[in-house]
């Protein structure tokens, strides 16, 4: 039976490797219980013997066609998150010395990241330059927003250390939520079914639409609908968004697991790194804003 998945990255990968030129079986992925997929009768061999070693006289598999591993995803995710952190730190300190420039770069990161992210997602781009460029733009957004919220909190509390403390707590919170979600998924406490994926996806699209409406209204009404301000409504929305961002991580974990099991080419590790980066950046922003709301609302 052909593997089925709701993950568009995996669907595309399986479609690409289902042809005879990939050397995979008729189902488009390796046979269960074997480390390397065996060539099927009637299909050209990739040069692997029964032990998975290249056989003399047969062409070896190209490096870009090697099956994806967890390590591939981890390394590429580390690179994208490193780019986010680097450009985030740069814009954070630029904002501190020149708030106008920092804000400008923040909006460049927000708009540029949105456009490029949509292109990468819909076209299923696996080009590392495009994905690292997206990470750099997200870094500009994260750094500028962190500095802005930190500065407003420091002014509200009359405490210069409040801003840096806010950022460090948001980073710790993001890492903690990631670890919790990974454990919940690994031990199958959260079961990521197709219904789960659809429900979370629809909720995320609804949240995005709501934020777009709030953003447009903010040009005409101060604070828009008040969904992101330090109010009880803003607090409730912030908690919901943190939960949604965390749940998208579980969906990414499922996609990675299915991709590794299916033996898809390792170039798709860049797409999964992109997906994890999107979820983690969103999670960090929501935790940062939630902490800012709580600290502002309950300031002494």
C-alpha atoms as a PDB file:
ATOM      1  CA  UNK A   1       0.000   0.000   0.000  1.00  0.00           C
ATOM      2  CA  UNK A   2       1.333   3.440  -0.922  1.00  0.00           C
ATOM      3  CA  UNK A   3       2.219   5.688   1.979  1.00  0.00           C
ATOM      4  CA  UNK A   4      -0.293   8.488   2.368  1.00  0.00           C
ATOM      5  CA  UNK A   5       0.348  11.737   4.164  1.00  0.00           C
ATOM      6  CA  UNK A   6      -1.326  15.098   4.557  1.00  0.00           C
ATOM      7  CA  UNK A   7       2.120  16.756   4.522  1.00  0.00           C
ATOM      8  CA  UNK A   8       2.619  18.493   1.132  1.00  0.00           C
ATOM      9  CA  UNK A   9       6.417  18.182   1.373  1.00  0.00           C
ATOM     10  CA  UNK A  10       6.196  14.430   1.787  1.00  0.00           C
ATOM     11  CA  UNK A  11       3.612  14.111  -0.975  1.00  0.00           C
ATOM     12  CA  UNK A  12       5.885  15.913  -3.391  1.00  0.00           C
ATOM     13  CA  UNK A  13       8.921  13.881  -2.357  1.00  0.00           C
ATOM     14  CA  UNK A  14       7.087  10.591  -2.793  1.00  0.00           C
ATOM     15  CA  UNK A  15       5.804  11.667  -6.195  1.00  0.00           C
ATOM     16  CA  UNK A  16       9.309  12.590  -7.315  1.00  0.00           C
ATOM     17  CA  UNK A  17      10.828   9.315  -6.218  1.00  0.00           C
ATOM     18  CA  UNK A  18       7.991   7.103  -7.465  1.00  0.00           C
ATOM     19  CA  UNK A  19       9.458   7.022 -10.981  1.00  0.00           C
ATOM     20  CA  UNK A  20      11.827   4.288 -12.126  1.00  0.00           C
ATOM     21  CA  UNK A  21      14.780   6.642 -12.348  1.00  0.00           C
ATOM     22  CA  UNK A  22      14.905   6.878  -8.562  1.00  0.00           C
ATOM     23  CA  UNK A  23      15.554   3.197  -8.042  1.00  0.00           C
ATOM     24  CA  UNK A  24      12.827   2.834  -5.431  1.00  0.00           C
ATOM     25  CA  UNK A  25      10.107   0.245  -5.442  1.00  0.00           C
ATOM     26  CA  UNK A  26       6.820   0.603  -7.212  1.00  0.00           C
ATOM     27  CA  UNK A  27       5.300   2.200  -4.141  1.00  0.00           C
ATOM     28  CA  UNK A  28       7.780   5.056  -4.216  1.00  0.00           C
ATOM     29  CA  UNK A  29       9.530   4.238  -0.955  1.00  0.00           C
ATOM     30  CA  UNK A  30      11.664   1.591   0.667  1.00  0.00           C
ATOM     31  CA  UNK A  31      10.325  -1.779   1.692  1.00  0.00           C
ATOM     32  CA  UNK A  32       9.545  -2.204   5.405  1.00  0.00           C
ATOM     33  CA  UNK A  33      12.269  -3.738   7.481  1.00  0.00           C
ATOM     34  CA  UNK A  34      15.217  -2.838   5.276  1.00  0.00           C
ATOM     35  CA  UNK A  35      17.773  -0.104   5.736  1.00  0.00           C
ATOM     36  CA  UNK A  36      18.044   0.517   1.994  1.00  0.00           C
ATOM     37  CA  UNK A  37      15.240   0.097  -0.534  1.00  0.00           C
ATOM     38  CA  UNK A  38      15.944  -2.812  -2.886  1.00  0.00           C
ATOM     39  CA  UNK A  39      15.658  -2.350  -6.642  1.00  0.00           C
ATOM     40  CA  UNK A  40      12.448  -3.832  -7.984  1.00  0.00           C
ATOM     41  CA  UNK A  41      12.382  -6.141 -10.951  1.00  0.00           C
ATOM     42  CA  UNK A  42      12.255  -4.165 -14.161  1.00  0.00           C
ATOM     43  CA  UNK A  43      13.733  -1.011 -12.657  1.00  0.00           C
ATOM     44  CA  UNK A  44      17.350   0.147 -13.048  1.00  0.00           C
ATOM     45  CA  UNK A  45      19.487  -0.673 -10.029  1.00  0.00           C
ATOM     46  CA  UNK A  46      21.228   1.994  -7.995  1.00  0.00           C
ATOM     47  CA  UNK A  47      24.210  -0.193  -7.253  1.00  0.00           C
ATOM     48  CA  UNK A  48      23.270  -1.488  -3.799  1.00  0.00           C
ATOM     49  CA  UNK A  49      23.714  -5.108  -2.922  1.00  0.00           C
ATOM     50  CA  UNK A  50      21.892  -7.007  -0.227  1.00  0.00           C
ATOM     51  CA  UNK A  51      24.036  -5.406   2.451  1.00  0.00           C
ATOM     52  CA  UNK A  52      23.415  -1.874   1.177  1.00  0.00           C
ATOM     53  CA  UNK A  53      26.954  -1.433  -0.220  1.00  0.00           C
ATOM     54  CA  UNK A  54      27.683  -0.131  -3.711  1.00  0.00           C
ATOM     55  CA  UNK A  55      28.374  -2.987  -6.104  1.00  0.00           C
ATOM     56  CA  UNK A  56      31.196  -2.864  -8.617  1.00  0.00           C
ATOM     57  CA  UNK A  57      29.997  -2.068 -12.097  1.00  0.00           C
ATOM     58  CA  UNK A  58      26.892  -0.165 -11.040  1.00  0.00           C
ATOM     59  CA  UNK A  59      26.590   3.626 -10.758  1.00  0.00           C
ATOM     60  CA  UNK A  60      26.447   4.922  -7.191  1.00  0.00           C
ATOM     61  CA  UNK A  61      23.539   6.998  -5.970  1.00  0.00           C
ATOM     62  CA  UNK A  62      24.073  10.756  -6.241  1.00  0.00           C
ATOM     63  CA  UNK A  63      24.692  12.605  -2.981  1.00  0.00           C
ATOM     64  CA  UNK A  64      21.533  14.679  -3.412  1.00  0.00           C
ATOM     65  CA  UNK A  65      19.470  11.486  -3.688  1.00  0.00           C
ATOM     66  CA  UNK A  66      20.633   9.968  -0.420  1.00  0.00           C
ATOM     67  CA  UNK A  67      17.756   9.243   1.983  1.00  0.00           C
ATOM     68  CA  UNK A  68      16.995  11.981   4.495  1.00  0.00           C
ATOM     69  CA  UNK A  69      17.956  11.348   8.102  1.00  0.00           C
ATOM     70  CA  UNK A  70      17.108  13.028  11.377  1.00  0.00           C
ATOM     71  CA  UNK A  71      20.661  14.408  11.447  1.00  0.00           C
ATOM     72  CA  UNK A  72      20.082  16.119   8.089  1.00  0.00           C
ATOM     73  CA  UNK A  73      17.063  17.937   9.487  1.00  0.00           C
ATOM     74  CA  UNK A  74      18.829  18.816  12.740  1.00  0.00           C
ATOM     75  CA  UNK A  75      21.884  20.283  10.974  1.00  0.00           C
ATOM     76  CA  UNK A  76      19.829  22.346   8.554  1.00  0.00           C
ATOM     77  CA  UNK A  77      17.499  23.548  11.284  1.00  0.00           C
ATOM     78  CA  UNK A  78      20.540  24.581  13.294  1.00  0.00           C
ATOM     79  CA  UNK A  79      21.740  26.619  10.311  1.00  0.00           C
ATOM     80  CA  UNK A  80      18.401  28.383   9.835  1.00  0.00           C
ATOM     81  CA  UNK A  81      17.994  29.120  13.534  1.00  0.00           C
ATOM     82  CA  UNK A  82      21.585  30.340  13.614  1.00  0.00           C
ATOM     83  CA  UNK A  83      20.729  32.830  10.856  1.00  0.00           C
ATOM     84  CA  UNK A  84      17.639  33.948  12.782  1.00  0.00           C
ATOM     85  CA  UNK A  85      19.692  34.448  15.940  1.00  0.00           C
ATOM     86  CA  UNK A  86      22.529  36.293  14.158  1.00  0.00           C
ATOM     87  CA  UNK A  87      20.324  38.815  12.363  1.00  0.00           C
ATOM     88  CA  UNK A  88      18.092  39.072  15.427  1.00  0.00           C
ATOM     89  CA  UNK A  89      21.018  40.122  17.607  1.00  0.00           C
ATOM     90  CA  UNK A  90      22.212  42.587  14.958  1.00  0.00           C
ATOM     91  CA  UNK A  91      18.849  44.322  14.704  1.00  0.00           C
ATOM     92  CA  UNK A  92      18.316  44.210  18.471  1.00  0.00           C
ATOM     93  CA  UNK A  93      21.436  46.294  19.081  1.00  0.00           C
ATOM     94  CA  UNK A  94      20.772  48.484  16.037  1.00  0.00           C
ATOM     95  CA  UNK A  95      17.403  49.329  17.561  1.00  0.00           C
ATOM     96  CA  UNK A  96      19.060  50.243  20.845  1.00  0.00           C
ATOM     97  CA  UNK A  97      21.391  52.719  19.111  1.00  0.00           C
ATOM     98  CA  UNK A  98      19.038  53.837  16.338  1.00  0.00           C
ATOM     99  CA  UNK A  99      15.351  53.001  16.976  1.00  0.00           C
ATOM    100  CA  UNK A 100      14.243  54.392  13.617  1.00  0.00           C
ATOM    101  CA  UNK A 101      16.594  52.144  11.666  1.00  0.00           C
ATOM    102  CA  UNK A 102      15.738  49.168  13.850  1.00  0.00           C
ATOM    103  CA  UNK A 103      12.014  49.638  13.263  1.00  0.00           C
ATOM    104  CA  UNK A 104      12.563  50.017   9.517  1.00  0.00           C
ATOM    105  CA  UNK A 105      14.539  46.775   9.387  1.00  0.00           C
ATOM    106  CA  UNK A 106      11.869  45.091  11.504  1.00  0.00           C
ATOM    107  CA  UNK A 107       9.202  45.954   8.922  1.00  0.00           C
ATOM    108  CA  UNK A 108      11.513  44.846   6.115  1.00  0.00           C
ATOM    109  CA  UNK A 109      11.909  41.531   7.893  1.00  0.00           C
ATOM    110  CA  UNK A 110       8.179  41.198   8.525  1.00  0.00           C
ATOM    111  CA  UNK A 111       7.049  41.956   4.960  1.00  0.00           C
ATOM    112  CA  UNK A 112       9.991  40.287   3.230  1.00  0.00           C
ATOM    113  CA  UNK A 113       9.733  37.209   5.407  1.00  0.00           C
ATOM    114  CA  UNK A 114       5.990  36.960   4.776  1.00  0.00           C
ATOM    115  CA  UNK A 115       6.366  37.123   0.987  1.00  0.00           C
ATOM    116  CA  UNK A 116       9.395  34.840   0.766  1.00  0.00           C
ATOM    117  CA  UNK A 117       7.914  32.412   3.275  1.00  0.00           C
ATOM    118  CA  UNK A 118       4.731  32.073   1.221  1.00  0.00           C
ATOM    119  CA  UNK A 119       6.753  31.480  -1.945  1.00  0.00           C
ATOM    120  CA  UNK A 120       8.883  28.812  -0.246  1.00  0.00           C
ATOM    121  CA  UNK A 121       5.841  27.115   1.249  1.00  0.00           C
ATOM    122  CA  UNK A 122       3.648  27.044  -1.859  1.00  0.00           C
ATOM    123  CA  UNK A 123       6.431  26.197  -4.319  1.00  0.00           C
ATOM    124  CA  UNK A 124       8.007  23.686  -1.913  1.00  0.00           C
ATOM    125  CA  UNK A 125      11.435  25.266  -2.462  1.00  0.00           C
ATOM    126  CA  UNK A 126      14.417  23.314  -1.143  1.00  0.00           C
ATOM    127  CA  UNK A 127      17.059  25.863  -2.148  1.00  0.00           C
ATOM    128  CA  UNK A 128      19.217  26.597   0.938  1.00  0.00           C
ATOM    129  CA  UNK A 129      19.908  30.185  -0.185  1.00  0.00           C
ATOM    130  CA  UNK A 130      16.184  30.991  -0.270  1.00  0.00           C
ATOM    131  CA  UNK A 131      15.522  29.339   3.079  1.00  0.00           C
ATOM    132  CA  UNK A 132      18.506  30.957   4.809  1.00  0.00           C
ATOM    133  CA  UNK A 133      17.440  34.318   3.338  1.00  0.00           C
ATOM    134  CA  UNK A 134      14.023  33.770   4.890  1.00  0.00           C
ATOM    135  CA  UNK A 135      15.694  32.994   8.219  1.00  0.00           C
ATOM    136  CA  UNK A 136      17.708  36.225   8.008  1.00  0.00           C
ATOM    137  CA  UNK A 137      14.543  38.252   7.369  1.00  0.00           C
ATOM    138  CA  UNK A 138      12.832  36.585  10.313  1.00  0.00           C
ATOM    139  CA  UNK A 139      15.854  37.481  12.408  1.00  0.00           C
ATOM    140  CA  UNK A 140      15.381  41.158  11.568  1.00  0.00           C
ATOM    141  CA  UNK A 141      11.746  40.882  12.634  1.00  0.00           C
ATOM    142  CA  UNK A 142      12.501  39.000  15.850  1.00  0.00           C
ATOM    143  CA  UNK A 143      15.351  41.309  16.842  1.00  0.00           C
ATOM    144  CA  UNK A 144      13.403  44.500  16.194  1.00  0.00           C
ATOM    145  CA  UNK A 145      10.260  43.297  17.933  1.00  0.00           C
ATOM    146  CA  UNK A 146      12.226  42.037  20.932  1.00  0.00           C
ATOM    147  CA  UNK A 147      13.959  45.396  21.293  1.00  0.00           C
ATOM    148  CA  UNK A 148      10.732  47.357  20.847  1.00  0.00           C
ATOM    149  CA  UNK A 149       8.699  45.389  23.397  1.00  0.00           C
ATOM    150  CA  UNK A 150      11.649  45.322  25.760  1.00  0.00           C
ATOM    151  CA  UNK A 151      12.066  49.097  25.542  1.00  0.00           C
ATOM    152  CA  UNK A 152       8.368  49.764  26.165  1.00  0.00           C
ATOM    153  CA  UNK A 153       8.362  47.412  29.133  1.00  0.00           C
ATOM    154  CA  UNK A 154      11.474  49.037  30.595  1.00  0.00           C
ATOM    155  CA  UNK A 155       9.794  52.433  30.252  1.00  0.00           C
ATOM    156  CA  UNK A 156       6.571  51.162  31.864  1.00  0.00           C
ATOM    157  CA  UNK A 157       8.349  49.571  34.817  1.00  0.00           C
ATOM    158  CA  UNK A 158      11.112  52.224  35.018  1.00  0.00           C
ATOM    159  CA  UNK A 159      13.561  49.342  35.040  1.00  0.00           C
ATOM    160  CA  UNK A 160      16.318  49.186  32.366  1.00  0.00           C
ATOM    161  CA  UNK A 161      16.829  45.462  33.021  1.00  0.00           C
ATOM    162  CA  UNK A 162      13.188  44.605  32.256  1.00  0.00           C
ATOM    163  CA  UNK A 163      13.768  44.502  28.477  1.00  0.00           C
ATOM    164  CA  UNK A 164      16.717  42.078  28.430  1.00  0.00           C
ATOM    165  CA  UNK A 165      14.967  39.961  31.063  1.00  0.00           C
ATOM    166  CA  UNK A 166      11.862  39.773  28.874  1.00  0.00           C
ATOM    167  CA  UNK A 167      13.876  38.510  25.904  1.00  0.00           C
ATOM    168  CA  UNK A 168      15.820  35.921  27.898  1.00  0.00           C
ATOM    169  CA  UNK A 169      12.619  34.593  29.469  1.00  0.00           C
ATOM    170  CA  UNK A 170      10.991  34.318  26.030  1.00  0.00           C
ATOM    171  CA  UNK A 171      13.978  32.350  24.709  1.00  0.00           C
ATOM    172  CA  UNK A 172      13.890  29.992  27.705  1.00  0.00           C
ATOM    173  CA  UNK A 173      10.138  29.601  27.320  1.00  0.00           C
ATOM    174  CA  UNK A 174      10.469  28.747  23.627  1.00  0.00           C
ATOM    175  CA  UNK A 175      13.123  26.105  24.294  1.00  0.00           C
ATOM    176  CA  UNK A 176      11.033  24.650  27.134  1.00  0.00           C
ATOM    177  CA  UNK A 177       7.860  24.412  25.024  1.00  0.00           C
ATOM    178  CA  UNK A 178       9.827  22.818  22.176  1.00  0.00           C
ATOM    179  CA  UNK A 179      11.204  20.192  24.556  1.00  0.00           C
ATOM    180  CA  UNK A 180       7.785  19.478  26.047  1.00  0.00           C
ATOM    181  CA  UNK A 181       6.163  19.116  22.617  1.00  0.00           C
ATOM    182  CA  UNK A 182       8.945  16.820  21.426  1.00  0.00           C
ATOM    183  CA  UNK A 183       8.473  14.609  24.492  1.00  0.00           C
ATOM    184  CA  UNK A 184       4.691  14.587  24.105  1.00  0.00           C
ATOM    185  CA  UNK A 185       5.060  13.546  20.478  1.00  0.00           C
ATOM    186  CA  UNK A 186       7.830  10.994  21.065  1.00  0.00           C
ATOM    187  CA  UNK A 187       5.870   9.164  23.754  1.00  0.00           C
ATOM    188  CA  UNK A 188       2.655   9.445  21.725  1.00  0.00           C
ATOM    189  CA  UNK A 189       0.880  11.421  24.420  1.00  0.00           C
ATOM    190  CA  UNK A 190      -0.179  13.652  21.544  1.00  0.00           C
ATOM    191  CA  UNK A 191      -1.355  11.634  18.556  1.00  0.00           C
ATOM    192  CA  UNK A 192      -0.982  13.619  15.367  1.00  0.00           C
ATOM    193  CA  UNK A 193      -3.748  12.163  13.219  1.00  0.00           C
ATOM    194  CA  UNK A 194      -4.994  13.583   9.923  1.00  0.00           C
ATOM    195  CA  UNK A 195      -7.910  15.098  11.830  1.00  0.00           C
ATOM    196  CA  UNK A 196      -5.476  16.756  14.237  1.00  0.00           C
ATOM    197  CA  UNK A 197      -3.524  18.229  11.317  1.00  0.00           C
ATOM    198  CA  UNK A 198      -6.673  19.592   9.658  1.00  0.00           C
ATOM    199  CA  UNK A 199      -8.038  21.085  12.870  1.00  0.00           C
ATOM    200  CA  UNK A 200      -4.768  22.853  13.723  1.00  0.00           C
ATOM    201  CA  UNK A 201      -4.298  24.034  10.132  1.00  0.00           C
ATOM    202  CA  UNK A 202      -7.775  25.567  10.007  1.00  0.00           C
ATOM    203  CA  UNK A 203      -7.229  27.196  13.403  1.00  0.00           C
ATOM    204  CA  UNK A 204      -3.917  28.693  12.230  1.00  0.00           C
ATOM    205  CA  UNK A 205      -5.538  30.064   9.057  1.00  0.00           C
ATOM    206  CA  UNK A 206      -8.316  31.570  11.157  1.00  0.00           C
ATOM    207  CA  UNK A 207      -5.779  33.159  13.497  1.00  0.00           C
ATOM    208  CA  UNK A 208      -3.856  34.597  10.538  1.00  0.00           C
ATOM    209  CA  UNK A 209      -7.035  36.067   9.061  1.00  0.00           C
ATOM    210  CA  UNK A 210      -7.968  37.567  12.420  1.00  0.00           C
ATOM    211  CA  UNK A 211      -4.536  39.156  12.808  1.00  0.00           C
ATOM    212  CA  UNK A 212      -4.714  40.562   9.293  1.00  0.00           C
ATOM    213  CA  UNK A 213      -8.040  42.222  10.064  1.00  0.00           C
ATOM    214  CA  UNK A 214      -6.672  43.557  13.349  1.00  0.00           C
ATOM    215  CA  UNK A 215      -3.576  44.908  11.567  1.00  0.00           C
ATOM    216  CA  UNK A 216      -5.652  46.734   8.940  1.00  0.00           C
ATOM    217  CA  UNK A 217      -7.969  48.203  11.588  1.00  0.00           C
ATOM    218  CA  UNK A 218      -4.978  49.431  13.590  1.00  0.00           C
ATOM    219  CA  UNK A 219      -4.412  52.068  10.879  1.00  0.00           C
ATOM    220  CA  UNK A 220      -7.809  53.563  11.658  1.00  0.00           C
ATOM    221  CA  UNK A 221      -8.344  52.621  15.325  1.00  0.00           C
ATOM    222  CA  UNK A 222      -5.599  52.686  17.929  1.00  0.00           C
ATOM    223  CA  UNK A 223      -4.789  49.075  18.769  1.00  0.00           C
ATOM    224  CA  UNK A 224      -7.218  47.699  16.206  1.00  0.00           C
ATOM    225  CA  UNK A 225      -9.593  45.314  17.957  1.00  0.00           C
ATOM    226  CA  UNK A 226      -7.359  45.210  21.016  1.00  0.00           C
ATOM    227  CA  UNK A 227      -6.242  41.648  20.313  1.00  0.00           C
ATOM    228  CA  UNK A 228      -2.552  42.302  20.881  1.00  0.00           C
ATOM    229  CA  UNK A 229      -2.615  44.888  23.627  1.00  0.00           C
ATOM    230  CA  UNK A 230      -2.085  44.494  27.393  1.00  0.00           C
ATOM    231  CA  UNK A 231      -5.750  43.702  28.114  1.00  0.00           C
ATOM    232  CA  UNK A 232      -7.650  40.616  29.264  1.00  0.00           C
ATOM    233  CA  UNK A 233      -8.676  40.030  25.647  1.00  0.00           C
ATOM    234  CA  UNK A 234      -5.072  40.332  24.536  1.00  0.00           C
ATOM    235  CA  UNK A 235      -4.020  37.934  27.295  1.00  0.00           C
ATOM    236  CA  UNK A 236      -6.570  35.325  26.205  1.00  0.00           C
ATOM    237  CA  UNK A 237      -5.624  35.650  22.534  1.00  0.00           C
ATOM    238  CA  UNK A 238      -1.949  35.392  23.450  1.00  0.00           C
ATOM    239  CA  UNK A 239      -2.470  32.125  25.338  1.00  0.00           C
ATOM    240  CA  UNK A 240      -4.450  30.640  22.437  1.00  0.00           C
ATOM    241  CA  UNK A 241      -1.755  31.627  19.943  1.00  0.00           C
ATOM    242  CA  UNK A 242       1.020  30.118  22.069  1.00  0.00           C
ATOM    243  CA  UNK A 243      -0.911  26.832  22.152  1.00  0.00           C
ATOM    244  CA  UNK A 244      -1.488  26.928  18.377  1.00  0.00           C
ATOM    245  CA  UNK A 245       2.188  27.609  17.673  1.00  0.00           C
ATOM    246  CA  UNK A 246       3.175  24.724  19.938  1.00  0.00           C
ATOM    247  CA  UNK A 247       0.765  22.355  18.176  1.00  0.00           C
ATOM    248  CA  UNK A 248       2.284  23.175  14.790  1.00  0.00           C
ATOM    249  CA  UNK A 249       5.545  21.747  16.128  1.00  0.00           C
ATOM    250  CA  UNK A 250       3.845  18.368  16.585  1.00  0.00           C
ATOM    251  CA  UNK A 251       2.749  18.469  12.943  1.00  0.00           C
ATOM    252  CA  UNK A 252       6.333  19.177  11.878  1.00  0.00           C
ATOM    253  CA  UNK A 253       7.587  16.261  13.987  1.00  0.00           C
ATOM    254  CA  UNK A 254       5.145  13.931  12.259  1.00  0.00           C
ATOM    255  CA  UNK A 255       6.240  15.116   8.813  1.00  0.00           C
ATOM    256  CA  UNK A 256       9.911  14.585   9.647  1.00  0.00           C
ATOM    257  CA  UNK A 257       9.260  11.106  11.025  1.00  0.00           C
ATOM    258  CA  UNK A 258       7.252  10.093   7.965  1.00  0.00           C
ATOM    259  CA  UNK A 259       9.882  11.536   5.640  1.00  0.00           C
ATOM    260  CA  UNK A 260      12.698   9.585   7.287  1.00  0.00           C
ATOM    261  CA  UNK A 261      10.648   6.375   7.270  1.00  0.00           C
ATOM    262  CA  UNK A 262       9.824   6.853   3.575  1.00  0.00           C
ATOM    263  CA  UNK A 263      13.469   7.428   2.655  1.00  0.00           C
ATOM    264  CA  UNK A 264      12.818  10.663   0.755  1.00  0.00           C
ATOM    265  CA  UNK A 265      15.862  12.505  -0.700  1.00  0.00           C
ATOM    266  CA  UNK A 266      17.835  14.506   1.839  1.00  0.00           C
ATOM    267  CA  UNK A 267      17.328  17.774  -0.072  1.00  0.00           C
ATOM    268  CA  UNK A 268      13.866  17.882   1.502  1.00  0.00           C
ATOM    269  CA  UNK A 269      15.518  18.299   4.904  1.00  0.00           C
ATOM    270  CA  UNK A 270      15.668  22.005   4.001  1.00  0.00           C
ATOM    271  CA  UNK A 271      11.880  22.120   3.718  1.00  0.00           C
ATOM    272  CA  UNK A 272      11.441  20.512   7.126  1.00  0.00           C
ATOM    273  CA  UNK A 273      14.045  22.893   8.577  1.00  0.00           C
ATOM    274  CA  UNK A 274      12.008  25.739   7.092  1.00  0.00           C
ATOM    275  CA  UNK A 275       8.820  24.393   8.696  1.00  0.00           C
ATOM    276  CA  UNK A 276      10.446  24.065  12.110  1.00  0.00           C
ATOM    277  CA  UNK A 277      11.887  27.579  11.821  1.00  0.00           C
ATOM    278  CA  UNK A 278       8.470  29.036  10.981  1.00  0.00           C
ATOM    279  CA  UNK A 279       6.902  27.317  14.002  1.00  0.00           C
ATOM    280  CA  UNK A 280       9.705  28.234  16.411  1.00  0.00           C
ATOM    281  CA  UNK A 281       9.829  31.884  15.339  1.00  0.00           C
ATOM    282  CA  UNK A 282       6.064  32.154  15.701  1.00  0.00           C
ATOM    283  CA  UNK A 283       6.227  30.437  19.095  1.00  0.00           C
ATOM    284  CA  UNK A 284       8.969  32.801  20.302  1.00  0.00           C
ATOM    285  CA  UNK A 285       7.050  35.887  19.160  1.00  0.00           C
ATOM    286  CA  UNK A 286       3.860  34.725  20.879  1.00  0.00           C
ATOM    287  CA  UNK A 287       5.646  33.880  24.140  1.00  0.00           C
ATOM    288  CA  UNK A 288       7.488  37.211  24.006  1.00  0.00           C
ATOM    289  CA  UNK A 289       4.251  39.122  23.502  1.00  0.00           C
ATOM    290  CA  UNK A 290       2.404  37.091  26.145  1.00  0.00           C
ATOM    291  CA  UNK A 291       5.093  37.812  28.738  1.00  0.00           C
ATOM    292  CA  UNK A 292       5.023  41.491  27.772  1.00  0.00           C
ATOM    293  CA  UNK A 293       1.246  41.595  28.230  1.00  0.00           C
ATOM    294  CA  UNK A 294       1.419  39.882  31.637  1.00  0.00           C
ATOM    295  CA  UNK A 295       4.250  42.099  32.911  1.00  0.00           C
ATOM    296  CA  UNK A 296       2.550  45.255  31.636  1.00  0.00           C
ATOM    297  CA  UNK A 297      -0.892  44.371  33.025  1.00  0.00           C
ATOM    298  CA  UNK A 298       0.366  43.448  36.441  1.00  0.00           C
ATOM    299  CA  UNK A 299       3.035  46.117  36.808  1.00  0.00           C
ATOM    300  CA  UNK A 300       3.221  47.464  40.322  1.00  0.00           C
END
